[in-house]
Protein backbone atom coordinates (compact mmCIF):
# COMPACT_ATOMS: atom_id res chain seq x y z
CA UNK A 1 8.86 -30.65 17.25
CA UNK A 2 10.27 -31.02 13.74
CA UNK A 3 10.52 -27.63 12.13
CA UNK A 4 10.89 -28.81 8.56
CA UNK A 5 11.27 -31.86 6.40
CA UNK A 6 12.14 -32.60 2.80
CA UNK A 7 9.22 -33.61 0.64
CA UNK A 8 8.93 -33.96 -3.13
CA UNK A 9 7.36 -30.96 -4.85
CA UNK A 10 5.38 -31.46 -8.03
CA UNK A 11 6.23 -28.92 -10.72
CA UNK A 12 3.83 -25.99 -10.86
CA UNK A 13 4.08 -25.82 -14.64
CA UNK A 14 4.28 -28.66 -17.09
CA UNK A 15 6.13 -26.31 -19.38
CA UNK A 16 9.82 -25.47 -19.54
CA UNK A 17 11.84 -24.14 -16.65
CA UNK A 18 12.40 -20.95 -18.67
CA UNK A 19 8.65 -20.31 -18.89
CA UNK A 20 8.33 -21.05 -15.19
CA UNK A 21 11.04 -18.50 -14.38
CA UNK A 22 9.51 -15.97 -16.78
CA UNK A 23 6.12 -16.05 -15.06
CA UNK A 24 7.67 -15.56 -11.64
CA UNK A 25 9.93 -12.75 -12.87
CA UNK A 26 6.93 -11.07 -14.50
CA UNK A 27 4.86 -11.15 -11.30
CA UNK A 28 7.78 -9.91 -9.20
CA UNK A 29 8.31 -7.06 -11.67
CA UNK A 30 4.67 -6.00 -11.52
CA UNK A 31 4.76 -6.14 -7.70
CA UNK A 32 7.84 -3.90 -7.79
CA UNK A 33 6.01 -1.46 -10.06
CA UNK A 34 3.07 -1.37 -7.66
CA UNK A 35 5.52 -0.61 -4.85
CA UNK A 36 6.96 2.30 -6.86
CA UNK A 37 3.43 3.44 -7.69
CA UNK A 38 2.57 3.65 -4.00
CA UNK A 39 5.67 5.73 -3.25
CA UNK A 40 4.98 8.08 -6.15
CA UNK A 41 1.39 8.34 -4.92
CA UNK A 42 2.67 9.28 -1.48
CA UNK A 43 4.90 11.96 -2.97
CA UNK A 44 1.95 13.23 -5.00
CA UNK A 45 -0.07 13.55 -1.81
CA UNK A 46 2.71 15.20 0.18
CA UNK A 47 3.42 17.77 -2.54
CA UNK A 48 -0.29 18.66 -2.83
CA UNK A 49 -0.21 17.55 -6.47
CA UNK A 50 -3.16 15.17 -6.56
CA UNK A 51 -5.75 17.71 -7.68
CA UNK A 52 -3.64 19.39 -10.38
CA UNK A 53 -5.33 17.38 -13.15
CA UNK A 54 -9.04 18.01 -12.91
CA UNK A 55 -10.23 15.59 -15.61
CA UNK A 56 -10.06 11.85 -16.08
CA UNK A 57 -8.97 10.91 -19.59
CA UNK A 58 -7.80 7.28 -19.47
CA UNK A 59 -6.33 7.34 -23.01
CA UNK A 60 -5.61 10.91 -24.14
CA UNK A 61 -4.55 11.89 -20.63
CA UNK A 62 -1.33 9.97 -21.15
CA UNK A 63 -0.08 12.89 -23.28
CA UNK A 64 0.93 15.96 -21.23
CA UNK A 65 0.53 19.55 -22.51
CA UNK A 66 3.25 20.67 -24.92
CA UNK A 67 2.32 24.17 -26.07
CA UNK A 68 2.07 27.27 -23.91
CA UNK A 69 -1.62 27.51 -24.76
CA UNK A 70 -2.23 23.94 -23.59
CA UNK A 71 -0.42 24.60 -20.31
CA UNK A 72 -2.41 27.76 -19.70
CA UNK A 73 -5.65 25.88 -20.38
CA UNK A 74 -4.74 23.23 -17.78
CA UNK A 75 -3.77 25.92 -15.30
CA UNK A 76 -7.09 27.69 -15.79
CA UNK A 77 -8.93 24.45 -15.01
CA UNK A 78 -6.96 24.12 -11.80
CA UNK A 79 -7.79 27.71 -10.83
CA UNK A 80 -11.48 26.78 -10.77
CA UNK A 81 -11.19 24.41 -7.81
CA UNK A 82 -11.15 25.41 -4.12
CA UNK A 83 -7.58 24.20 -3.51
CA UNK A 84 -6.15 26.91 -5.75
CA UNK A 85 -8.20 29.79 -4.38
CA UNK A 86 -7.87 28.80 -0.71
CA UNK A 87 -4.36 27.37 -0.50
CA UNK A 88 -2.30 28.51 -3.48
CA UNK A 89 -3.79 31.75 -4.91
CA UNK A 90 -0.32 33.08 -5.78
CA UNK A 91 0.85 29.94 -7.59
CA UNK A 92 2.79 30.59 -10.79
CA UNK A 93 2.58 28.59 -14.01
CA UNK A 94 6.03 27.13 -13.33
CA UNK A 95 4.90 25.94 -9.89
CA UNK A 96 1.77 24.47 -11.43
CA UNK A 97 3.86 22.49 -13.92
CA UNK A 98 5.73 20.90 -11.03
CA UNK A 99 2.64 19.60 -9.27
CA UNK A 100 1.05 18.67 -12.61
CA UNK A 101 3.95 16.38 -13.50
CA UNK A 102 3.75 14.59 -10.14
CA UNK A 103 0.11 13.70 -10.74
CA UNK A 104 0.65 13.01 -14.43
CA UNK A 105 3.55 10.70 -13.58
CA UNK A 106 1.42 8.88 -11.02
CA UNK A 107 -1.34 8.31 -13.55
CA UNK A 108 1.12 7.34 -16.30
CA UNK A 109 2.70 4.77 -14.00
CA UNK A 110 -0.76 3.32 -13.39
CA UNK A 111 -1.25 2.93 -17.15
CA UNK A 112 2.17 1.31 -17.52
CA UNK A 113 1.40 -1.16 -14.75
CA UNK A 114 -1.82 -2.09 -16.53
CA UNK A 115 0.07 -2.79 -19.75
CA UNK A 116 2.92 -4.56 -17.92
CA UNK A 117 0.35 -6.92 -16.42
CA UNK A 118 -2.20 -7.33 -19.21
CA UNK A 119 0.12 -7.92 -22.18
CA UNK A 120 2.25 -10.69 -20.62
CA UNK A 121 -0.88 -12.24 -19.14
CA UNK A 122 -2.40 -12.45 -22.62
CA UNK A 123 0.84 -13.93 -23.99
CA UNK A 124 1.16 -16.56 -21.25
CA UNK A 125 -2.53 -17.43 -21.54
CA UNK A 126 -2.64 -17.97 -25.31
CA UNK A 127 0.46 -20.17 -25.06
CA UNK A 128 -1.12 -22.17 -22.26
CA UNK A 129 1.65 -21.40 -19.79
CA UNK A 130 -0.89 -20.18 -17.24
CA UNK A 131 -4.39 -21.63 -17.21
CA UNK A 132 -7.14 -22.93 -14.99
CA UNK A 133 -7.32 -21.58 -11.46
CA UNK A 134 -4.14 -19.57 -11.74
CA UNK A 135 -5.38 -17.82 -14.88
CA UNK A 136 -8.66 -17.00 -13.15
CA UNK A 137 -6.78 -15.49 -10.22
CA UNK A 138 -4.59 -13.41 -12.51
CA UNK A 139 -7.63 -12.10 -14.38
CA UNK A 140 -9.05 -11.16 -10.98
CA UNK A 141 -5.92 -9.16 -10.20
CA UNK A 142 -6.24 -7.43 -13.58
CA UNK A 143 -9.82 -6.50 -12.74
CA UNK A 144 -8.66 -5.21 -9.37
CA UNK A 145 -6.20 -2.95 -11.17
CA UNK A 146 -8.95 -1.58 -13.38
CA UNK A 147 -11.08 -0.89 -10.34
CA UNK A 148 -8.11 0.89 -8.79
CA UNK A 149 -8.07 3.40 -11.64
CA UNK A 150 -11.78 4.15 -11.22
CA UNK A 151 -11.41 4.54 -7.45
CA UNK A 152 -8.46 6.86 -8.05
CA UNK A 153 -10.65 9.20 -10.05
CA UNK A 154 -13.47 8.86 -7.49
CA UNK A 155 -10.92 9.97 -4.90
CA UNK A 156 -9.71 12.96 -6.96
CA UNK A 157 -13.28 14.03 -7.72
CA UNK A 158 -13.97 14.40 -3.99
CA UNK A 159 -11.46 17.27 -3.83
CA UNK A 160 -12.65 19.26 -6.81
CA UNK A 161 -15.76 20.78 -5.22
CA UNK A 162 -16.23 22.01 -1.66
CA UNK A 163 -12.87 20.75 -0.37
CA UNK A 164 -9.18 21.65 -0.63
CA UNK A 165 -8.03 18.02 -0.55
CA UNK A 166 -9.42 14.58 -1.36
CA UNK A 167 -11.73 12.86 1.13
CA UNK A 168 -9.61 10.83 3.60
CA UNK A 169 -11.83 7.76 3.39
CA UNK A 170 -11.51 7.72 -0.41
CA UNK A 171 -7.74 8.04 -0.14
CA UNK A 172 -7.82 5.08 2.27
CA UNK A 173 -9.92 3.06 -0.19
CA UNK A 174 -7.47 3.87 -2.99
CA UNK A 175 -4.48 2.74 -0.92
CA UNK A 176 -6.36 -0.34 0.27
CA UNK A 177 -6.88 -1.53 -3.30
CA UNK A 178 -3.20 -0.93 -4.12
CA UNK A 179 -2.23 -2.89 -1.01
CA UNK A 180 -4.51 -5.81 -1.90
CA UNK A 181 -3.10 -5.91 -5.42
CA UNK A 182 0.45 -5.91 -4.04
CA UNK A 183 -0.40 -8.69 -1.59
CA UNK A 184 -2.13 -10.81 -4.23
CA UNK A 185 0.87 -10.63 -6.55
CA UNK A 186 3.31 -11.61 -3.81
CA UNK A 187 1.03 -14.34 -2.48
CA UNK A 188 0.79 -15.94 -5.92
CA UNK A 189 4.44 -15.63 -6.90
CA UNK A 190 5.59 -17.18 -3.61
CA UNK A 191 3.11 -20.01 -4.06
CA UNK A 192 4.37 -20.73 -7.56
CA UNK A 193 7.72 -21.97 -6.28
CA UNK A 194 7.45 -23.75 -2.94
CA UNK A 195 10.79 -24.36 -1.22
CA UNK A 196 12.27 -27.85 -1.29
CA UNK A 197 12.12 -27.95 2.49
CA UNK A 198 8.66 -26.79 3.52
CA UNK A 199 8.00 -25.77 7.09
CA UNK A 200 5.69 -27.95 9.13
CA UNK A 201 4.33 -25.27 11.41
CA UNK A 202 2.05 -25.48 14.38
CA UNK A 203 -1.45 -24.30 13.55
CA UNK A 204 -1.12 -21.43 16.00
CA UNK A 205 1.99 -20.05 14.26
CA UNK A 206 0.28 -20.22 10.88
CA UNK A 207 -2.79 -18.43 12.25
CA UNK A 208 -0.63 -15.77 13.88
CA UNK A 209 1.17 -15.10 10.60
CA UNK A 210 -2.13 -14.54 8.80
CA UNK A 211 -3.42 -12.29 11.59
CA UNK A 212 -0.22 -10.26 11.45
CA UNK A 213 -0.52 -9.81 7.69
CA UNK A 214 -4.08 -8.47 7.96
CA UNK A 215 -3.18 -6.32 10.95
CA UNK A 216 -0.41 -4.63 8.95
CA UNK A 217 -2.88 -4.02 6.12
CA UNK A 218 -5.32 -2.47 8.59
CA UNK A 219 -2.60 -0.18 9.92
CA UNK A 220 -1.75 0.96 6.38
CA UNK A 221 -5.38 1.97 5.89
CA UNK A 222 -5.30 3.88 9.18
CA UNK A 223 -2.13 5.59 7.99
CA UNK A 224 -3.96 6.68 4.85
CA UNK A 225 -6.61 8.30 7.04
CA UNK A 226 -3.85 10.13 8.92
CA UNK A 227 -2.38 11.38 5.64
CA UNK A 228 -5.72 12.29 4.09
CA UNK A 229 -6.94 14.26 7.12
CA UNK A 230 -3.54 15.89 7.82
CA UNK A 231 -3.75 14.42 11.30
CA UNK A 232 0.04 14.10 11.35
CA UNK A 233 0.31 17.88 11.66
CA UNK A 234 -1.43 17.79 15.04
CA UNK A 235 -0.21 16.47 18.41
CA UNK A 236 3.44 16.52 17.33
CA UNK A 237 4.71 15.04 20.58
CA UNK A 238 5.43 11.49 21.67
CA UNK A 239 4.46 9.39 23.59
CA UNK A 240 1.85 11.88 24.84
CA UNK A 241 -0.87 13.65 22.91
CA UNK A 242 -1.37 17.12 24.32
CA UNK A 243 0.15 15.97 27.60
CA UNK A 244 -1.86 12.75 27.87
CA UNK A 245 -1.30 9.20 26.70
CA UNK A 246 -5.04 8.73 26.14
CA UNK A 247 -6.95 11.88 25.13
CA UNK A 248 -10.22 12.61 26.96
CA UNK A 249 -13.11 10.54 25.69
CA UNK A 250 -15.07 13.71 24.89
CA UNK A 251 -12.32 14.65 22.43
CA UNK A 252 -12.16 11.22 20.88
CA UNK A 253 -15.94 10.94 20.40
CA UNK A 254 -16.98 14.54 19.89
CA UNK A 255 -18.60 13.93 16.49
CA UNK A 256 -22.03 12.46 15.88
CA UNK A 257 -22.74 9.78 14.86
CA UNK A 258 -19.97 8.18 16.90
CA UNK A 259 -18.44 6.19 14.04
CA UNK A 260 -17.66 9.38 12.13
CA UNK A 261 -14.87 10.07 14.64
CA UNK A 262 -12.84 7.16 13.26
CA UNK A 263 -12.90 8.72 9.79
CA UNK A 264 -12.90 12.49 10.34
CA UNK A 265 -11.91 13.34 13.93
CA UNK A 266 -8.20 14.25 13.77
CA UNK A 267 -7.64 13.35 17.42
CA UNK A 268 -9.21 9.92 17.02
CA UNK A 269 -7.48 9.25 13.71
CA UNK A 270 -4.02 9.89 15.12
CA UNK A 271 -4.77 8.08 18.39
CA UNK A 272 -6.01 4.91 16.68
CA UNK A 273 -2.95 4.85 14.41
CA UNK A 274 -0.69 5.09 17.48
CA UNK A 275 -2.53 2.41 19.42
CA UNK A 276 -2.58 -0.09 16.57
CA UNK A 277 1.16 0.53 16.11
CA UNK A 278 1.76 -0.42 19.75
CA UNK A 279 -0.38 -3.49 19.26
CA UNK A 280 1.60 -4.56 16.19
CA UNK A 281 4.90 -4.15 18.06
CA UNK A 282 3.67 -6.36 20.89
CA UNK A 283 2.14 -8.91 18.54
CA UNK A 284 5.22 -9.26 16.32
CA UNK A 285 7.55 -9.73 19.29
CA UNK A 286 5.20 -12.33 20.79
CA UNK A 287 4.92 -14.08 17.43
CA UNK A 288 8.70 -14.17 16.99
CA UNK A 289 9.14 -15.72 20.43
CA UNK A 290 6.37 -18.24 19.75
CA UNK A 291 7.85 -19.20 16.37
CA UNK A 292 11.29 -19.64 17.93
CA UNK A 293 9.85 -21.98 20.56
CA UNK A 294 7.64 -23.98 18.20
CA UNK A 295 10.01 -24.04 15.21
CA UNK A 296 13.56 -23.46 16.52
CA UNK A 297 16.14 -22.76 13.84
CA UNK A 298 13.55 -22.66 11.06
CA UNK A 299 13.14 -20.15 8.27
CA UNK A 300 9.81 -19.18 9.79
CA UNK A 301 11.45 -18.23 13.08
CA UNK A 302 14.06 -16.15 11.29
CA UNK A 303 11.40 -14.40 9.23
CA UNK A 304 9.35 -13.69 12.35
CA UNK A 305 12.33 -11.97 13.98
CA UNK A 306 13.10 -10.05 10.79
CA UNK A 307 9.50 -8.82 10.73
CA UNK A 308 9.76 -7.74 14.37
CA UNK A 309 12.92 -5.74 13.59
CA UNK A 310 11.24 -4.06 10.61
CA UNK A 311 8.29 -3.14 12.82
CA UNK A 312 10.60 -1.47 15.33
CA UNK A 313 12.32 0.51 12.57
CA UNK A 314 8.94 1.46 11.14
CA UNK A 315 7.75 2.67 14.54
CA UNK A 316 10.87 4.82 14.83
CA UNK A 317 10.20 6.34 11.41
CA UNK A 318 6.61 7.07 12.40
CA UNK A 319 7.73 8.82 15.57
CA UNK A 320 10.35 10.80 13.63
CA UNK A 321 7.76 11.86 11.05
CA UNK A 322 5.48 13.06 13.83
CA UNK A 323 8.14 14.95 15.80
CA UNK A 324 9.62 16.62 12.72
CA UNK A 325 6.23 17.76 11.40
CA UNK A 326 6.16 21.38 12.49
CA UNK A 327 3.53 22.84 10.19
CA UNK A 328 4.75 20.70 7.28
CA UNK A 329 5.50 17.00 7.02
CA UNK A 330 9.14 16.08 6.29
CA UNK A 331 8.66 14.54 2.85
CA UNK A 332 11.70 12.26 2.81
CA UNK A 333 11.01 10.81 6.25
CA UNK A 334 7.30 10.43 5.54
CA UNK A 335 7.97 8.65 2.24
CA UNK A 336 10.47 6.33 3.92
CA UNK A 337 7.80 5.55 6.51
CA UNK A 338 5.35 4.69 3.73
CA UNK A 339 7.91 2.60 1.86
CA UNK A 340 8.77 0.67 5.01
CA UNK A 341 5.07 -0.03 5.55
CA UNK A 342 4.92 -1.80 2.19
CA UNK A 343 8.16 -3.65 2.82
CA UNK A 344 6.57 -4.86 6.05
CA UNK A 345 3.40 -5.82 4.17
CA UNK A 346 5.50 -7.79 1.68
CA UNK A 347 7.40 -9.57 4.45
CA UNK A 348 4.26 -10.55 6.35
CA UNK A 349 2.62 -11.77 3.13
CA UNK A 350 5.65 -13.90 2.26
CA UNK A 351 5.77 -15.23 5.81
CA UNK A 352 2.09 -16.21 5.84
CA UNK A 353 2.29 -17.73 2.35
CA UNK A 354 5.34 -19.84 3.19
CA UNK A 355 3.57 -21.26 6.22
CA UNK A 356 0.54 -22.19 4.14
CA UNK A 357 2.57 -24.98 2.49
CA UNK A 358 0.31 -25.43 -0.52
CA UNK A 359 1.45 -24.41 -4.02
CA UNK A 360 -0.72 -22.33 -6.32
CA UNK A 361 -2.67 -24.57 -8.72
CA UNK A 362 -1.81 -23.72 -12.32
CA UNK A 363 -3.54 -26.30 -14.41
CA UNK A 364 -7.08 -26.67 -13.08
């Protein structure tokens, strides 16, 4: 079977090569900022900083406290929520400033991403560099970013009353939106410059690449549930959980209604994250072998094997995070695990987009 062939590629833009390169560089830059945003968000979660700012001020909130009186006022607001009284009743003002700046930095980065996307989009649109379907898609990504800010506050609000942390399912929704934004940016930027030699893939390989991309996204959401419920602090052994590979069914489904176990039962949350990880390992290795047989020597086959190697490294990081979590998660290992998850998401998105073989429409 022919793995690739040279075909003529119509230019995506009718404008200059410089404008073409500028659009792609802009989208790559925003995707990189989203990646950084996710890592900072992970650090905010791991340092218990996410509830330090108890109000949502989209504009004025960009300015941190400067005077001692302003800092004391923010600290007093934090003292009113359950997290302070139940987890950190001896916290000092200096300690509060540390967690405040993590959350403030996370929110500020979100604002900067919004500006870094909206302002160039407006510039490219009024000059006619991007238009038609591509412009509509980019406006959709901008709207997704705005929704992300609202969901972020919805998440924080869940931890201000009656809880000492945010609701795990809201944390998962917040990370899901960030992941979809990240994927959309990469999907579009890859489609804006198809390679000169496009890969004629078997339909099965193309379908597998899409399935793998969505499976990785699903696993990231499950990881958010693990983080949000602190499930990583339980069953810190591998490959067994409390001496068993599969926990008793009565432990996995002890909550009623049954579906609540997948969102709030710590045993089930950790177990499902482990099982999906095993499934991804098996699937990526199978996909790499299948791509090598169907498309020997192709870029797709090389990418499939690269993805499989990243998955194995990611699994090792997950196991290390679990084994090293003795009452407290190892922040550096946990953040590396989260970063690798998004590198894997980027790789699977690029892989699936390359195999699609259709450029992004820019004019209509």
